[in-house]
Amino acid sequence: MSTTENLNSEQGIEKLKNLVNEIMVCLFCTDLKIDDGATCRPMSAIKVCDQGNIWFFSKKDSDKNNTIEKDKNVQLFFSHPAKGSYLVVNGEAEILLDRKIIDDLWSPVAKIWFKDGKDDPTISVIKVKPNSAYYWDTDGNQMINLLKIAASVVTGTNLVTGTQGNIKV
């Protein structure tokens, strides 16, 4: 049984931060009119800022960046089945080349994709400003929930609990 919790402002941003930090990798989808999956790719979120924006590193000349230049609407699908945590974000993407932002967001892990580090000439930052988001978050971990499911079958009562709802930032 799940409870619906629609979250606004600070509570919404806090939930967004928790889920994105827990899951990290999403399917980042552009060119939403095509809707065939070919414009979705796995991306690691860097952080969620205090305004609720989700930040990513990207190559300046990537297909993703080129598509965003034409249509800023994106969808992000975060999924952590082991924890029962899921998040869908609809938002507007903006490509930034600001060196200060790159310096502030940089982590050594990003060097995997940018061989010259934070000074790599091909680096850009994508800021996704959420327009809407919806989440599902199951209480407990996968093992506990498997036991709850088994007990639910025996008792005829759903013992798996969690929350879901809209997030407005």
N, C-alpha and C. Protein backbone atom coordinates (compact mmCIF):
# COMPACT_ATOMS: atom_id res chain seq x y z
N MET A 1 0.85 -1.16 0.00
CA MET A 1 0.00 0.00 0.00
C MET A 1 0.90 1.23 0.00
N SER A 2 0.58 2.18 -0.85
CA SER A 2 1.42 3.37 -0.86
C SER A 2 0.59 4.59 -0.50
N THR A 3 1.31 5.57 0.01
CA THR A 3 0.72 6.84 0.40
C THR A 3 1.11 7.86 -0.65
N THR A 4 0.19 8.74 -0.99
CA THR A 4 0.51 9.81 -1.93
C THR A 4 0.92 11.05 -1.15
N GLU A 5 2.12 11.54 -1.46
CA GLU A 5 2.64 12.77 -0.86
C GLU A 5 3.08 13.69 -1.98
N ASN A 6 2.32 14.71 -2.26
CA ASN A 6 2.71 15.71 -3.24
C ASN A 6 3.57 16.73 -2.51
N LEU A 7 4.78 16.93 -3.00
CA LEU A 7 5.75 17.78 -2.31
C LEU A 7 6.01 19.05 -3.09
N ASN A 8 6.09 20.18 -2.38
CA ASN A 8 6.33 21.48 -3.00
C ASN A 8 7.58 22.13 -2.40
N SER A 9 8.11 23.07 -3.13
CA SER A 9 9.21 23.93 -2.68
C SER A 9 10.33 23.14 -2.03
N GLU A 10 10.67 23.51 -0.77
CA GLU A 10 11.84 22.92 -0.11
C GLU A 10 11.71 21.42 0.08
N GLN A 11 10.50 20.95 0.45
CA GLN A 11 10.30 19.50 0.62
C GLN A 11 10.49 18.78 -0.71
N GLY A 12 9.97 19.36 -1.78
CA GLY A 12 10.11 18.78 -3.11
C GLY A 12 11.55 18.73 -3.55
N ILE A 13 12.27 19.82 -3.34
CA ILE A 13 13.69 19.87 -3.72
C ILE A 13 14.48 18.86 -2.90
N GLU A 14 14.18 18.74 -1.62
CA GLU A 14 14.89 17.78 -0.76
C GLU A 14 14.64 16.35 -1.23
N LYS A 15 13.41 16.02 -1.60
CA LYS A 15 13.10 14.68 -2.11
C LYS A 15 13.82 14.44 -3.42
N LEU A 16 13.82 15.44 -4.30
CA LEU A 16 14.52 15.36 -5.58
C LEU A 16 16.01 15.10 -5.34
N LYS A 17 16.62 15.86 -4.44
CA LYS A 17 18.04 15.67 -4.10
C LYS A 17 18.30 14.25 -3.61
N ASN A 18 17.46 13.79 -2.66
CA ASN A 18 17.67 12.45 -2.09
C ASN A 18 17.59 11.37 -3.15
N LEU A 19 16.57 11.44 -4.01
CA LEU A 19 16.41 10.40 -5.03
C LEU A 19 17.52 10.44 -6.07
N VAL A 20 17.86 11.63 -6.56
CA VAL A 20 18.91 11.75 -7.57
C VAL A 20 20.25 11.31 -6.98
N ASN A 21 20.56 11.71 -5.75
CA ASN A 21 21.83 11.30 -5.13
C ASN A 21 21.88 9.80 -4.89
N GLU A 22 20.74 9.20 -4.57
CA GLU A 22 20.68 7.76 -4.33
C GLU A 22 20.82 6.97 -5.62
N ILE A 23 20.20 7.46 -6.70
CA ILE A 23 20.16 6.71 -7.96
C ILE A 23 21.31 7.12 -8.89
N MET A 24 21.56 8.39 -9.03
CA MET A 24 22.63 8.99 -9.83
C MET A 24 22.47 8.85 -11.35
N VAL A 25 22.29 7.65 -11.85
CA VAL A 25 22.25 7.45 -13.31
C VAL A 25 20.80 7.45 -13.78
N CYS A 26 20.58 8.15 -14.87
CA CYS A 26 19.23 8.20 -15.45
C CYS A 26 19.31 7.96 -16.95
N LEU A 27 18.15 7.72 -17.53
CA LEU A 27 18.04 7.81 -18.98
C LEU A 27 17.67 9.25 -19.27
N PHE A 28 18.51 9.93 -20.00
CA PHE A 28 18.35 11.34 -20.34
C PHE A 28 17.80 11.38 -21.77
N CYS A 29 16.54 11.80 -21.92
CA CYS A 29 15.87 11.72 -23.22
C CYS A 29 15.65 13.11 -23.81
N THR A 30 16.02 13.24 -25.08
CA THR A 30 15.85 14.48 -25.83
C THR A 30 14.96 14.17 -27.04
N ASP A 31 14.64 15.18 -27.81
CA ASP A 31 13.84 15.03 -29.03
C ASP A 31 12.62 14.15 -28.75
N LEU A 32 11.81 14.61 -27.80
CA LEU A 32 10.71 13.81 -27.27
C LEU A 32 9.63 13.51 -28.31
N LYS A 33 9.61 14.25 -29.42
CA LYS A 33 8.61 14.00 -30.46
C LYS A 33 8.85 12.66 -31.17
N ILE A 34 10.11 12.23 -31.22
CA ILE A 34 10.44 10.97 -31.90
C ILE A 34 9.93 9.79 -31.09
N ASP A 35 10.18 9.78 -29.79
CA ASP A 35 9.63 8.79 -28.87
C ASP A 35 9.91 7.34 -29.28
N ASP A 36 11.12 7.07 -29.77
CA ASP A 36 11.44 5.68 -30.12
C ASP A 36 12.58 5.11 -29.27
N GLY A 37 13.02 5.84 -28.27
CA GLY A 37 14.09 5.37 -27.39
C GLY A 37 15.48 5.68 -27.90
N ALA A 38 15.63 5.98 -29.17
CA ALA A 38 16.96 6.22 -29.73
C ALA A 38 17.57 7.53 -29.25
N THR A 39 16.74 8.42 -28.72
CA THR A 39 17.25 9.70 -28.23
C THR A 39 17.39 9.71 -26.71
N CYS A 40 17.38 8.52 -26.11
CA CYS A 40 17.62 8.38 -24.66
C CYS A 40 18.99 7.76 -24.48
N ARG A 41 19.72 8.27 -23.51
CA ARG A 41 21.04 7.72 -23.23
C ARG A 41 21.29 7.80 -21.73
N PRO A 42 22.07 6.83 -21.18
CA PRO A 42 22.39 6.89 -19.76
C PRO A 42 23.33 8.05 -19.46
N MET A 43 23.01 8.79 -18.41
CA MET A 43 23.83 9.92 -17.98
C MET A 43 23.90 9.91 -16.46
N SER A 44 25.04 10.33 -15.93
CA SER A 44 25.20 10.46 -14.48
C SER A 44 24.95 11.90 -14.08
N ALA A 45 24.03 12.07 -13.16
CA ALA A 45 23.77 13.40 -12.62
C ALA A 45 24.92 13.79 -11.71
N ILE A 46 25.32 15.04 -11.77
CA ILE A 46 26.39 15.53 -10.90
C ILE A 46 25.82 15.94 -9.56
N LYS A 47 24.73 16.72 -9.61
CA LYS A 47 24.12 17.18 -8.36
C LYS A 47 22.78 17.82 -8.65
N VAL A 48 22.03 18.01 -7.57
CA VAL A 48 20.81 18.82 -7.60
C VAL A 48 21.12 20.02 -6.72
N CYS A 49 20.97 21.22 -7.27
CA CYS A 49 21.28 22.42 -6.50
C CYS A 49 20.09 22.82 -5.64
N ASP A 50 20.26 23.84 -4.83
CA ASP A 50 19.22 24.29 -3.91
C ASP A 50 17.98 24.85 -4.61
N GLN A 51 18.08 25.15 -5.90
CA GLN A 51 16.92 25.61 -6.66
C GLN A 51 16.19 24.44 -7.32
N GLY A 52 16.73 23.22 -7.19
CA GLY A 52 16.10 22.03 -7.76
C GLY A 52 16.57 21.68 -9.16
N ASN A 53 17.54 22.42 -9.69
CA ASN A 53 18.08 22.11 -11.01
C ASN A 53 19.00 20.89 -10.91
N ILE A 54 18.96 20.06 -11.96
CA ILE A 54 19.79 18.85 -12.01
C ILE A 54 20.89 19.12 -13.03
N TRP A 55 22.14 18.83 -12.64
CA TRP A 55 23.31 19.19 -13.44
C TRP A 55 24.03 17.96 -13.98
N PHE A 56 24.52 18.07 -15.22
CA PHE A 56 25.24 17.00 -15.91
C PHE A 56 26.42 17.59 -16.67
N PHE A 57 27.47 16.80 -16.88
CA PHE A 57 28.53 17.15 -17.82
C PHE A 57 28.20 16.51 -19.17
N SER A 58 28.60 17.17 -20.25
CA SER A 58 28.36 16.65 -21.58
C SER A 58 29.41 17.21 -22.54
N LYS A 59 29.64 16.49 -23.62
CA LYS A 59 30.53 17.00 -24.67
C LYS A 59 29.79 18.08 -25.46
N LYS A 60 30.50 19.18 -25.75
CA LYS A 60 29.89 20.31 -26.47
C LYS A 60 29.24 19.90 -27.78
N ASP A 61 29.91 19.02 -28.53
CA ASP A 61 29.44 18.69 -29.87
C ASP A 61 28.64 17.38 -29.92
N SER A 62 28.13 16.93 -28.78
CA SER A 62 27.38 15.68 -28.75
C SER A 62 26.03 15.83 -29.45
N ASP A 63 25.49 14.71 -29.91
CA ASP A 63 24.14 14.73 -30.50
C ASP A 63 23.14 15.29 -29.50
N LYS A 64 23.31 14.93 -28.24
CA LYS A 64 22.41 15.40 -27.18
C LYS A 64 22.41 16.93 -27.12
N ASN A 65 23.60 17.53 -27.08
CA ASN A 65 23.68 18.99 -27.03
C ASN A 65 23.08 19.62 -28.28
N ASN A 66 23.37 19.04 -29.43
CA ASN A 66 22.81 19.57 -30.68
C ASN A 66 21.28 19.52 -30.67
N THR A 67 20.72 18.44 -30.14
CA THR A 67 19.27 18.32 -30.05
C THR A 67 18.69 19.32 -29.07
N ILE A 68 19.36 19.50 -27.93
CA ILE A 68 18.88 20.47 -26.92
C ILE A 68 18.88 21.89 -27.49
N GLU A 69 19.86 22.21 -28.34
CA GLU A 69 19.89 23.54 -28.96
C GLU A 69 18.63 23.79 -29.79
N LYS A 70 18.05 22.72 -30.35
CA LYS A 70 16.85 22.86 -31.18
C LYS A 70 15.57 22.77 -30.37
N ASP A 71 15.60 21.96 -29.30
CA ASP A 71 14.40 21.75 -28.47
C ASP A 71 14.88 21.46 -27.05
N LYS A 72 14.59 22.37 -26.13
CA LYS A 72 15.12 22.28 -24.77
C LYS A 72 14.35 21.32 -23.86
N ASN A 73 13.22 20.78 -24.33
CA ASN A 73 12.41 19.88 -23.51
C ASN A 73 13.07 18.50 -23.39
N VAL A 74 13.20 18.02 -22.16
CA VAL A 74 13.84 16.73 -21.90
C VAL A 74 13.03 15.96 -20.86
N GLN A 75 13.28 14.66 -20.81
CA GLN A 75 12.75 13.80 -19.76
C GLN A 75 13.90 13.00 -19.18
N LEU A 76 13.88 12.84 -17.86
CA LEU A 76 14.89 12.06 -17.16
C LEU A 76 14.18 10.93 -16.42
N PHE A 77 14.67 9.70 -16.60
CA PHE A 77 14.09 8.54 -15.93
C PHE A 77 15.14 7.93 -15.02
N PHE A 78 14.94 8.07 -13.71
CA PHE A 78 15.83 7.50 -12.70
C PHE A 78 15.19 6.23 -12.16
N SER A 79 15.99 5.17 -11.96
CA SER A 79 15.42 3.91 -11.49
C SER A 79 16.43 3.17 -10.62
N HIS A 80 16.01 2.77 -9.43
CA HIS A 80 16.84 1.95 -8.54
C HIS A 80 15.97 0.81 -8.03
N PRO A 81 15.80 -0.25 -8.86
CA PRO A 81 14.90 -1.35 -8.49
C PRO A 81 15.25 -2.01 -7.16
N ALA A 82 16.52 -2.12 -6.83
CA ALA A 82 16.90 -2.77 -5.57
C ALA A 82 16.35 -2.04 -4.36
N LYS A 83 16.20 -0.74 -4.47
CA LYS A 83 15.64 0.04 -3.36
C LYS A 83 14.18 0.40 -3.58
N GLY A 84 13.66 0.09 -4.76
CA GLY A 84 12.28 0.44 -5.04
C GLY A 84 12.08 1.94 -5.18
N SER A 85 13.08 2.63 -5.74
CA SER A 85 13.03 4.09 -5.90
C SER A 85 13.02 4.43 -7.39
N TYR A 86 12.07 5.27 -7.77
CA TYR A 86 11.91 5.65 -9.18
C TYR A 86 11.54 7.13 -9.24
N LEU A 87 11.98 7.80 -10.31
CA LEU A 87 11.73 9.23 -10.47
C LEU A 87 11.67 9.55 -11.96
N VAL A 88 10.65 10.29 -12.36
CA VAL A 88 10.54 10.81 -13.73
C VAL A 88 10.52 12.32 -13.63
N VAL A 89 11.39 12.98 -14.39
CA VAL A 89 11.48 14.44 -14.40
C VAL A 89 11.23 14.94 -15.81
N ASN A 90 10.32 15.89 -15.95
CA ASN A 90 10.11 16.61 -17.21
C ASN A 90 10.68 18.01 -16.99
N GLY A 91 11.55 18.43 -17.90
CA GLY A 91 12.15 19.73 -17.68
C GLY A 91 12.68 20.38 -18.94
N GLU A 92 13.33 21.51 -18.73
CA GLU A 92 13.95 22.27 -19.81
C GLU A 92 15.45 22.29 -19.58
N ALA A 93 16.20 21.92 -20.61
CA ALA A 93 17.65 21.84 -20.52
C ALA A 93 18.29 23.10 -21.09
N GLU A 94 19.40 23.46 -20.49
CA GLU A 94 20.19 24.60 -20.95
C GLU A 94 21.65 24.18 -20.96
N ILE A 95 22.35 24.50 -22.04
CA ILE A 95 23.77 24.16 -22.15
C ILE A 95 24.59 25.37 -21.74
N LEU A 96 25.53 25.13 -20.82
CA LEU A 96 26.38 26.21 -20.31
C LEU A 96 27.85 25.87 -20.52
N LEU A 97 28.63 26.89 -20.83
CA LEU A 97 30.06 26.73 -21.03
C LEU A 97 30.88 27.48 -19.99
N ASP A 98 30.24 27.96 -18.96
CA ASP A 98 30.84 28.78 -17.91
C ASP A 98 31.91 27.98 -17.15
N ARG A 99 33.16 28.45 -17.22
CA ARG A 99 34.30 27.75 -16.59
C ARG A 99 34.15 27.69 -15.07
N LYS A 100 33.57 28.71 -14.46
CA LYS A 100 33.38 28.70 -13.01
C LYS A 100 32.42 27.59 -12.60
N ILE A 101 31.34 27.42 -13.36
CA ILE A 101 30.38 26.35 -13.06
C ILE A 101 31.05 25.00 -13.24
N ILE A 102 31.83 24.85 -14.30
CA ILE A 102 32.55 23.59 -14.53
C ILE A 102 33.49 23.31 -13.37
N ASP A 103 34.24 24.32 -12.92
CA ASP A 103 35.15 24.15 -11.77
C ASP A 103 34.38 23.76 -10.51
N ASP A 104 33.26 24.41 -10.27
CA ASP A 104 32.47 24.14 -9.06
C ASP A 104 31.89 22.73 -9.05
N LEU A 105 31.50 22.22 -10.22
CA LEU A 105 30.86 20.91 -10.31
C LEU A 105 31.84 19.76 -10.53
N TRP A 106 33.08 20.07 -10.85
CA TRP A 106 34.05 19.05 -11.24
C TRP A 106 34.30 18.02 -10.14
N SER A 107 34.43 16.77 -10.56
CA SER A 107 34.88 15.70 -9.67
C SER A 107 35.84 14.83 -10.48
N PRO A 108 36.78 14.16 -9.82
CA PRO A 108 37.75 13.33 -10.54
C PRO A 108 37.12 12.24 -11.40
N VAL A 109 35.94 11.77 -11.05
CA VAL A 109 35.27 10.74 -11.84
C VAL A 109 34.98 11.23 -13.26
N ALA A 110 34.71 12.52 -13.42
CA ALA A 110 34.38 13.07 -14.73
C ALA A 110 35.55 12.96 -15.71
N LYS A 111 36.76 12.76 -15.20
CA LYS A 111 37.93 12.65 -16.07
C LYS A 111 37.85 11.41 -16.97
N ILE A 112 37.01 10.46 -16.61
CA ILE A 112 36.80 9.29 -17.46
C ILE A 112 36.33 9.73 -18.84
N TRP A 113 35.48 10.75 -18.90
CA TRP A 113 34.92 11.21 -20.17
C TRP A 113 35.64 12.42 -20.74
N PHE A 114 36.40 13.13 -19.89
CA PHE A 114 37.09 14.34 -20.35
C PHE A 114 38.56 14.21 -20.00
N LYS A 115 39.33 13.71 -20.95
CA LYS A 115 40.73 13.32 -20.68
C LYS A 115 41.61 14.48 -20.21
N ASP A 116 41.28 15.70 -20.57
CA ASP A 116 42.07 16.85 -20.13
C ASP A 116 41.52 17.46 -18.84
N GLY A 117 40.67 16.70 -18.14
CA GLY A 117 40.14 17.17 -16.88
C GLY A 117 39.19 18.34 -17.07
N LYS A 118 39.07 19.15 -16.04
CA LYS A 118 38.11 20.26 -16.11
C LYS A 118 38.51 21.33 -17.12
N ASP A 119 39.74 21.26 -17.64
CA ASP A 119 40.17 22.20 -18.68
C ASP A 119 39.95 21.65 -20.09
N ASP A 120 39.34 20.48 -20.20
CA ASP A 120 39.07 19.88 -21.50
C ASP A 120 38.26 20.85 -22.35
N PRO A 121 38.70 21.13 -23.57
CA PRO A 121 37.99 22.10 -24.41
C PRO A 121 36.63 21.60 -24.91
N THR A 122 36.35 20.30 -24.75
CA THR A 122 35.08 19.76 -25.26
C THR A 122 33.97 19.72 -24.21
N ILE A 123 34.27 20.17 -23.00
CA ILE A 123 33.32 20.02 -21.89
C ILE A 123 32.25 21.12 -21.89
N SER A 124 31.05 20.70 -21.57
CA SER A 124 29.94 21.63 -21.33
C SER A 124 29.16 21.10 -20.13
N VAL A 125 28.27 21.93 -19.62
CA VAL A 125 27.41 21.54 -18.52
C VAL A 125 25.97 21.69 -19.00
N ILE A 126 25.16 20.71 -18.64
CA ILE A 126 23.73 20.80 -18.92
C ILE A 126 23.00 21.01 -17.60
N LYS A 127 22.19 22.05 -17.56
CA LYS A 127 21.34 22.32 -16.40
C LYS A 127 19.91 21.98 -16.81
N VAL A 128 19.28 21.06 -16.07
CA VAL A 128 17.88 20.73 -16.33
C VAL A 128 17.04 21.35 -15.22
N LYS A 129 16.15 22.24 -15.63
CA LYS A 129 15.21 22.88 -14.70
C LYS A 129 13.91 22.08 -14.77
N PRO A 130 13.56 21.38 -13.69
CA PRO A 130 12.33 20.56 -13.71
C PRO A 130 11.07 21.41 -13.84
N ASN A 131 10.18 20.99 -14.74
CA ASN A 131 8.84 21.58 -14.83
C ASN A 131 7.88 20.76 -13.99
N SER A 132 8.10 19.45 -13.98
CA SER A 132 7.29 18.55 -13.16
C SER A 132 8.10 17.29 -12.90
N ALA A 133 7.75 16.61 -11.84
CA ALA A 133 8.42 15.35 -11.51
C ALA A 133 7.43 14.47 -10.75
N TYR A 134 7.61 13.16 -10.89
CA TYR A 134 6.78 12.22 -10.14
C TYR A 134 7.70 11.12 -9.63
N TYR A 135 7.45 10.69 -8.39
CA TYR A 135 8.32 9.69 -7.78
C TYR A 135 7.52 8.55 -7.18
N TRP A 136 8.18 7.40 -7.06
CA TRP A 136 7.69 6.24 -6.33
C TRP A 136 8.85 5.80 -5.46
N ASP A 137 8.61 5.62 -4.19
CA ASP A 137 9.69 5.28 -3.27
C ASP A 137 9.16 4.25 -2.27
N THR A 138 9.63 3.00 -2.39
CA THR A 138 9.17 1.92 -1.53
C THR A 138 9.97 1.91 -0.24
N ASP A 139 9.28 1.67 0.87
CA ASP A 139 9.96 1.57 2.17
C ASP A 139 10.74 0.26 2.22
N GLY A 140 11.93 0.28 2.82
CA GLY A 140 12.72 -0.94 2.98
C GLY A 140 13.58 -1.24 1.76
N ASN A 141 14.34 -2.33 1.86
CA ASN A 141 15.20 -2.71 0.74
C ASN A 141 14.60 -3.91 0.01
N GLN A 142 15.28 -4.37 -1.03
CA GLN A 142 14.75 -5.42 -1.88
C GLN A 142 14.50 -6.72 -1.09
N MET A 143 15.40 -7.12 -0.24
CA MET A 143 15.24 -8.36 0.51
C MET A 143 14.04 -8.28 1.45
N ILE A 144 13.93 -7.17 2.17
CA ILE A 144 12.79 -7.00 3.08
C ILE A 144 11.48 -7.00 2.29
N ASN A 145 11.47 -6.33 1.15
CA ASN A 145 10.24 -6.28 0.36
C ASN A 145 9.89 -7.63 -0.26
N LEU A 146 10.89 -8.45 -0.60
CA LEU A 146 10.59 -9.81 -1.06
C LEU A 146 9.92 -10.61 0.05
N LEU A 147 10.41 -10.45 1.28
CA LEU A 147 9.78 -11.12 2.41
C LEU A 147 8.36 -10.60 2.63
N LYS A 148 8.18 -9.28 2.49
CA LYS A 148 6.85 -8.69 2.64
C LYS A 148 5.90 -9.20 1.56
N ILE A 149 6.40 -9.36 0.34
CA ILE A 149 5.57 -9.88 -0.75
C ILE A 149 5.14 -11.31 -0.44
N ALA A 150 6.10 -12.12 0.03
CA ALA A 150 5.76 -13.51 0.38
C ALA A 150 4.72 -13.54 1.49
N ALA A 151 4.90 -12.70 2.49
CA ALA A 151 3.93 -12.63 3.59
C ALA A 151 2.58 -12.11 3.10
N SER A 152 2.61 -11.19 2.14
CA SER A 152 1.37 -10.66 1.58
C SER A 152 0.58 -11.75 0.87
N VAL A 153 1.28 -12.64 0.17
CA VAL A 153 0.62 -13.74 -0.52
C VAL A 153 -0.08 -14.64 0.49
N VAL A 154 0.61 -14.94 1.60
CA VAL A 154 0.07 -15.82 2.63
C VAL A 154 -1.12 -15.17 3.35
N THR A 155 -0.99 -13.90 3.69
CA THR A 155 -2.03 -13.23 4.49
C THR A 155 -3.14 -12.61 3.65
N GLY A 156 -2.87 -12.39 2.36
CA GLY A 156 -3.86 -11.73 1.52
C GLY A 156 -3.92 -10.23 1.72
N THR A 157 -2.94 -9.68 2.45
CA THR A 157 -2.87 -8.25 2.72
C THR A 157 -1.56 -7.71 2.17
N ASN A 158 -1.63 -6.59 1.46
CA ASN A 158 -0.41 -5.99 0.92
C ASN A 158 0.39 -5.36 2.06
N LEU A 159 1.57 -5.90 2.31
CA LEU A 159 2.43 -5.40 3.39
C LEU A 159 3.56 -4.50 2.88
N VAL A 160 3.67 -4.37 1.56
CA VAL A 160 4.70 -3.51 0.98
C VAL A 160 4.18 -2.08 1.02
N THR A 161 4.94 -1.19 1.63
CA THR A 161 4.52 0.20 1.78
C THR A 161 5.51 1.14 1.12
N GLY A 162 5.05 2.33 0.84
CA GLY A 162 5.92 3.34 0.26
C GLY A 162 5.13 4.62 0.02
N THR A 163 5.79 5.55 -0.66
CA THR A 163 5.15 6.81 -0.99
C THR A 163 5.32 7.08 -2.47
N GLN A 164 4.44 7.90 -2.98
CA GLN A 164 4.52 8.36 -4.36
C GLN A 164 3.90 9.74 -4.41
N GLY A 165 4.23 10.48 -5.44
CA GLY A 165 3.60 11.78 -5.58
C GLY A 165 4.31 12.71 -6.54
N ASN A 166 3.70 13.87 -6.73
CA ASN A 166 4.27 14.92 -7.58
C ASN A 166 5.31 15.70 -6.79
N ILE A 167 6.31 16.18 -7.50
CA ILE A 167 7.29 17.09 -6.92
C ILE A 167 7.23 18.38 -7.70
N LYS A 168 7.00 19.47 -7.01
CA LYS A 168 7.01 20.81 -7.62
C LYS A 168 8.16 21.57 -7.00
N VAL A 169 9.02 22.12 -7.85
CA VAL A 169 10.16 22.89 -7.32
C VAL A 169 9.97 24.36 -7.59
